[in-house]
C-alpha atoms as a PDB file:
ATOM      1  CA  UNK A   1      98.719 105.737 110.469  1.00  0.00           C
ATOM      2  CA  UNK A   2     101.064 107.970 109.076  1.00  0.00           C
ATOM      3  CA  UNK A   3     103.490 105.220 108.466  1.00  0.00           C
ATOM      4  CA  UNK A   4     100.689 102.618 107.497  1.00  0.00           C
ATOM      5  CA  UNK A   5      99.148 105.285 104.753  1.00  0.00           C
ATOM      6  CA  UNK A   6     102.500 105.614 102.743  1.00  0.00           C
ATOM      7  CA  UNK A   7     103.150 101.957 103.133  1.00  0.00           C
ATOM      8  CA  UNK A   8      99.644 101.475 101.505  1.00  0.00           C
ATOM      9  CA  UNK A   9      99.874 104.426  99.178  1.00  0.00           C
ATOM     10  CA  UNK A  10     103.556 102.683  97.990  1.00  0.00           C
ATOM     11  CA  UNK A  11     101.355  99.157  97.607  1.00  0.00           C
ATOM     12  CA  UNK A  12      98.527 100.927  95.352  1.00  0.00           C
ATOM     13  CA  UNK A  13     101.395 102.578  93.037  1.00  0.00           C
ATOM     14  CA  UNK A  14     103.482  99.575  92.916  1.00  0.00           C
ATOM     15  CA  UNK A  15     100.939  97.027  92.229  1.00  0.00           C
ATOM     16  CA  UNK A  16      98.955  99.447  89.648  1.00  0.00           C
ATOM     17  CA  UNK A  17     102.331 100.567  87.470  1.00  0.00           C
ATOM     18  CA  UNK A  18     103.449  97.109  87.357  1.00  0.00           C
ATOM     19  CA  UNK A  19     103.696  95.149  84.092  1.00  0.00           C
ATOM     20  CA  UNK A  20     101.769  92.115  83.671  1.00  0.00           C
ATOM     21  CA  UNK A  21     104.517  89.726  84.779  1.00  0.00           C
ATOM     22  CA  UNK A  22     105.683  91.604  88.046  1.00  0.00           C
ATOM     23  CA  UNK A  23     101.481  91.634  88.829  1.00  0.00           C
ATOM     24  CA  UNK A  24     101.832  87.715  88.732  1.00  0.00           C
ATOM     25  CA  UNK A  25     104.955  87.317  90.487  1.00  0.00           C
ATOM     26  CA  UNK A  26     103.270  89.985  93.520  1.00  0.00           C
ATOM     27  CA  UNK A  27     100.781  87.457  93.344  1.00  0.00           C
ATOM     28  CA  UNK A  28     103.014  84.039  93.868  1.00  0.00           C
ATOM     29  CA  UNK A  29     105.125  86.002  96.685  1.00  0.00           C
ATOM     30  CA  UNK A  30     101.590  87.059  98.278  1.00  0.00           C
ATOM     31  CA  UNK A  31     100.339  83.366  98.279  1.00  0.00           C
ATOM     32  CA  UNK A  32     104.010  81.669  99.658  1.00  0.00           C
ATOM     33  CA  UNK A  33     103.481  84.521 102.366  1.00  0.00           C
ATOM     34  CA  UNK A  34     100.471  83.332 103.169  1.00  0.00           C
ATOM     35  CA  UNK A  35     101.157  79.702 102.582  1.00  0.00           C
ATOM     36  CA  UNK A  36     103.754  80.476 105.520  1.00  0.00           C
ATOM     37  CA  UNK A  37     101.167  82.400 107.630  1.00  0.00           C
ATOM     38  CA  UNK A  38      98.714  79.532 107.646  1.00  0.00           C
ATOM     39  CA  UNK A  39     101.281  76.828 108.242  1.00  0.00           C
ATOM     40  CA  UNK A  40     102.749  78.969 111.058  1.00  0.00           C
ATOM     41  CA  UNK A  41      99.526  79.629 112.328  1.00  0.00           C
ATOM     42  CA  UNK A  42      97.986  76.058 112.086  1.00  0.00           C
ATOM     43  CA  UNK A  43     101.226  75.066 114.319  1.00  0.00           C
ATOM     44  CA  UNK A  44     100.384  77.558 116.856  1.00  0.00           C
ATOM     45  CA  UNK A  45      96.848  76.429 116.810  1.00  0.00           C
ATOM     46  CA  UNK A  46      95.863  79.905 115.851  1.00  0.00           C
ATOM     47  CA  UNK A  47      92.311  79.007 113.684  1.00  0.00           C
ATOM     48  CA  UNK A  48      91.132  82.424 113.053  1.00  0.00           C
ATOM     49  CA  UNK A  49      94.997  83.481 111.825  1.00  0.00           C
ATOM     50  CA  UNK A  50      95.297  80.123 109.879  1.00  0.00           C
ATOM     51  CA  UNK A  51      91.244  80.778 108.421  1.00  0.00           C
ATOM     52  CA  UNK A  52      92.721  84.416 107.351  1.00  0.00           C
ATOM     53  CA  UNK A  53      95.312  83.003 105.587  1.00  0.00           C
ATOM     54  CA  UNK A  54      93.787  79.662 103.761  1.00  0.00           C
ATOM     55  CA  UNK A  55      91.007  82.742 102.384  1.00  0.00           C
ATOM     56  CA  UNK A  56      93.802  84.298 101.200  1.00  0.00           C
ATOM     57  CA  UNK A  57      95.727  81.777  99.277  1.00  0.00           C
ATOM     58  CA  UNK A  58      92.940  80.279  97.844  1.00  0.00           C
ATOM     59  CA  UNK A  59      91.636  83.970  96.442  1.00  0.00           C
ATOM     60  CA  UNK A  60      95.022  84.305  94.722  1.00  0.00           C
ATOM     61  CA  UNK A  61      95.216  80.679  93.688  1.00  0.00           C
ATOM     62  CA  UNK A  62      91.538  81.780  92.018  1.00  0.00           C
ATOM     63  CA  UNK A  63      92.686  85.021  90.484  1.00  0.00           C
ATOM     64  CA  UNK A  64      95.481  83.127  88.894  1.00  0.00           C
ATOM     65  CA  UNK A  65      93.398  80.190  87.457  1.00  0.00           C
ATOM     66  CA  UNK A  66      90.565  82.884  86.231  1.00  0.00           C
ATOM     67  CA  UNK A  67      93.081  84.944  84.492  1.00  0.00           C
ATOM     68  CA  UNK A  68      94.074  82.200  82.454  1.00  0.00           C
ATOM     69  CA  UNK A  69      93.489  82.578  78.194  1.00  0.00           C
ATOM     70  CA  UNK A  70      93.545  78.520  77.362  1.00  0.00           C
ATOM     71  CA  UNK A  71      92.822  79.877  73.416  1.00  0.00           C
ATOM     72  CA  UNK A  72      96.973  81.353  73.290  1.00  0.00           C
ATOM     73  CA  UNK A  73      97.973  79.241  76.411  1.00  0.00           C
ATOM     74  CA  UNK A  74      96.715  75.735  75.128  1.00  0.00           C
ATOM     75  CA  UNK A  75      98.076  72.694  76.767  1.00  0.00           C
ATOM     76  CA  UNK A  76     100.277  75.030  79.289  1.00  0.00           C
ATOM     77  CA  UNK A  77      97.372  76.923  80.220  1.00  0.00           C
ATOM     78  CA  UNK A  78      94.754  73.852  80.841  1.00  0.00           C
ATOM     79  CA  UNK A  79      98.364  72.424  82.957  1.00  0.00           C
ATOM     80  CA  UNK A  80      98.281  75.407  85.169  1.00  0.00           C
ATOM     81  CA  UNK A  81      94.580  75.397  85.888  1.00  0.00           C
ATOM     82  CA  UNK A  82      95.043  71.672  87.054  1.00  0.00           C
ATOM     83  CA  UNK A  83      97.809  72.330  89.126  1.00  0.00           C
ATOM     84  CA  UNK A  84      95.808  75.690  90.778  1.00  0.00           C
ATOM     85  CA  UNK A  85      92.604  72.978  91.291  1.00  0.00           C
ATOM     86  CA  UNK A  86      95.643  70.770  92.629  1.00  0.00           C
ATOM     87  CA  UNK A  87      96.465  73.397  95.343  1.00  0.00           C
ATOM     88  CA  UNK A  88      93.200  74.391  96.385  1.00  0.00           C
ATOM     89  CA  UNK A  89      92.386  70.817  96.801  1.00  0.00           C
ATOM     90  CA  UNK A  90      94.902  70.788  98.915  1.00  0.00           C
ATOM     91  CA  UNK A  91      94.761  73.821 100.756  1.00  0.00           C
ATOM     92  CA  UNK A  92      91.005  72.448 101.804  1.00  0.00           C
ATOM     93  CA  UNK A  93      92.541  69.126 102.967  1.00  0.00           C
ATOM     94  CA  UNK A  94      94.561  71.076 105.292  1.00  0.00           C
ATOM     95  CA  UNK A  95      91.658  73.510 106.671  1.00  0.00           C
ATOM     96  CA  UNK A  96      89.890  70.422 107.507  1.00  0.00           C
ATOM     97  CA  UNK A  97      91.804  67.826 108.835  1.00  0.00           C
ATOM     98  CA  UNK A  98      94.192  70.703 110.569  1.00  0.00           C
ATOM     99  CA  UNK A  99      97.151  69.162 108.313  1.00  0.00           C
ATOM    100  CA  UNK A 100     100.430  71.249 107.496  1.00  0.00           C
ATOM    101  CA  UNK A 101     101.451  69.138 105.008  1.00  0.00           C
ATOM    102  CA  UNK A 102      99.026  69.540 102.459  1.00  0.00           C
ATOM    103  CA  UNK A 103     100.138  73.233 102.681  1.00  0.00           C
ATOM    104  CA  UNK A 104     103.335  72.525 102.491  1.00  0.00           C
ATOM    105  CA  UNK A 105     102.592  70.760  99.285  1.00  0.00           C
ATOM    106  CA  UNK A 106     101.356  73.847  98.140  1.00  0.00           C
ATOM    107  CA  UNK A 107     104.125  76.465  99.343  1.00  0.00           C
ATOM    108  CA  UNK A 108     106.499  74.161  97.564  1.00  0.00           C
ATOM    109  CA  UNK A 109     104.808  74.177  94.261  1.00  0.00           C
ATOM    110  CA  UNK A 110     103.789  77.658  94.544  1.00  0.00           C
ATOM    111  CA  UNK A 111     107.784  78.660  94.975  1.00  0.00           C
ATOM    112  CA  UNK A 112     108.464  76.596  91.984  1.00  0.00           C
ATOM    113  CA  UNK A 113     105.902  78.124  89.601  1.00  0.00           C
ATOM    114  CA  UNK A 114     107.194  82.017  91.053  1.00  0.00           C
ATOM    115  CA  UNK A 115     111.235  80.058  90.504  1.00  0.00           C
ATOM    116  CA  UNK A 116     109.871  79.815  86.983  1.00  0.00           C
ATOM    117  CA  UNK A 117     107.858  82.782  86.038  1.00  0.00           C
ATOM    118  CA  UNK A 118     110.470  85.002  87.094  1.00  0.00           C
ATOM    119  CA  UNK A 119     113.258  83.489  85.436  1.00  0.00           C
ATOM    120  CA  UNK A 120     110.144  83.812  82.237  1.00  0.00           C
ATOM    121  CA  UNK A 121     109.395  87.331  83.000  1.00  0.00           C
ATOM    122  CA  UNK A 122     113.480  88.629  83.410  1.00  0.00           C
ATOM    123  CA  UNK A 123     114.182  87.050  80.307  1.00  0.00           C
ATOM    124  CA  UNK A 124     111.537  88.502  78.619  1.00  0.00           C
ATOM    125  CA  UNK A 125     112.392  92.268  79.960  1.00  0.00           C
ATOM    126  CA  UNK A 126     115.535  91.561  78.177  1.00  0.00           C
ATOM    127  CA  UNK A 127     114.104  91.676  75.106  1.00  0.00           C
ATOM    128  CA  UNK A 128     111.349  94.441  75.305  1.00  0.00           C
ATOM    129  CA  UNK A 129     108.929  93.701  72.598  1.00  0.00           C
ATOM    130  CA  UNK A 130     109.389  90.346  71.945  1.00  0.00           C
ATOM    131  CA  UNK A 131     106.410  88.270  71.012  1.00  0.00           C
ATOM    132  CA  UNK A 132     107.125  85.154  73.197  1.00  0.00           C
ATOM    133  CA  UNK A 133     106.128  87.719  76.018  1.00  0.00           C
ATOM    134  CA  UNK A 134     103.554  88.655  75.005  1.00  0.00           C
ATOM    135  CA  UNK A 135     102.258  84.850  74.331  1.00  0.00           C
ATOM    136  CA  UNK A 136     103.506  84.519  78.208  1.00  0.00           C
ATOM    137  CA  UNK A 137     101.877  87.400  79.591  1.00  0.00           C
ATOM    138  CA  UNK A 138      98.687  85.989  77.403  1.00  0.00           C
ATOM    139  CA  UNK A 139      98.985  82.652  79.413  1.00  0.00           C
ATOM    140  CA  UNK A 140      99.446  83.859  82.356  1.00  0.00           C
ATOM    141  CA  UNK A 141      97.278  87.046  82.973  1.00  0.00           C
ATOM    142  CA  UNK A 142      94.623  86.582  80.117  1.00  0.00           C
ATOM    143  CA  UNK A 143      94.734  90.225  77.872  1.00  0.00           C
ATOM    144  CA  UNK A 144      98.284  91.446  77.148  1.00  0.00           C
ATOM    145  CA  UNK A 145      98.730  94.611  75.274  1.00  0.00           C
ATOM    146  CA  UNK A 146     100.081  94.288  72.082  1.00  0.00           C
ATOM    147  CA  UNK A 147     103.775  93.972  71.600  1.00  0.00           C
ATOM    148  CA  UNK A 148     105.764  96.470  69.882  1.00  0.00           C
ATOM    149  CA  UNK A 149     108.434  94.106  67.145  1.00  0.00           C
ATOM    150  CA  UNK A 150     111.554  93.915  69.178  1.00  0.00           C
ATOM    151  CA  UNK A 151     114.528  92.461  68.547  1.00  0.00           C
ATOM    152  CA  UNK A 152     113.878  88.692  67.605  1.00  0.00           C
ATOM    153  CA  UNK A 153     110.532  89.445  66.204  1.00  0.00           C
ATOM    154  CA  UNK A 154     112.665  91.598  63.255  1.00  0.00           C
ATOM    155  CA  UNK A 155     115.616  88.626  62.662  1.00  0.00           C
ATOM    156  CA  UNK A 156     112.436  86.081  62.952  1.00  0.00           C
ATOM    157  CA  UNK A 157     110.812  88.468  59.617  1.00  0.00           C
ATOM    158  CA  UNK A 158     114.052  89.013  58.385  1.00  0.00           C
ATOM    159  CA  UNK A 159     114.807  85.172  58.121  1.00  0.00           C
END
């Protein structure tokens, strides 16, 4: 119990102290992990583990979808929402038909989105209070804190 307690406290602290971008990446990482787990369980004919993993994936994707801010994100957030809905449909079909192919499709989509957001978060971290960081955070996560003026914002005002 001691090891699990320490690990669970570490996970809880890492989530509560993470930036919005880091939380977004954690959600994608978890969804990819559970998708792989569902594929493995399906191949092993472990229905209980498959069901648990599929529920976790659906919960995470639903959370990602609900956190979109269409007022700020515009077309990008609407396209992400469509993609999330497509993934939920794929997961449902995989579960009903006991077919790994829709899960593999979902995994590839999640990995592509993860890679894209990871690159964006890394770039935005370099610019601190960049207004683009706030916009990306709002598109992906709903309500972001108001950014402090960063180097890009100052340069834009000077032009």
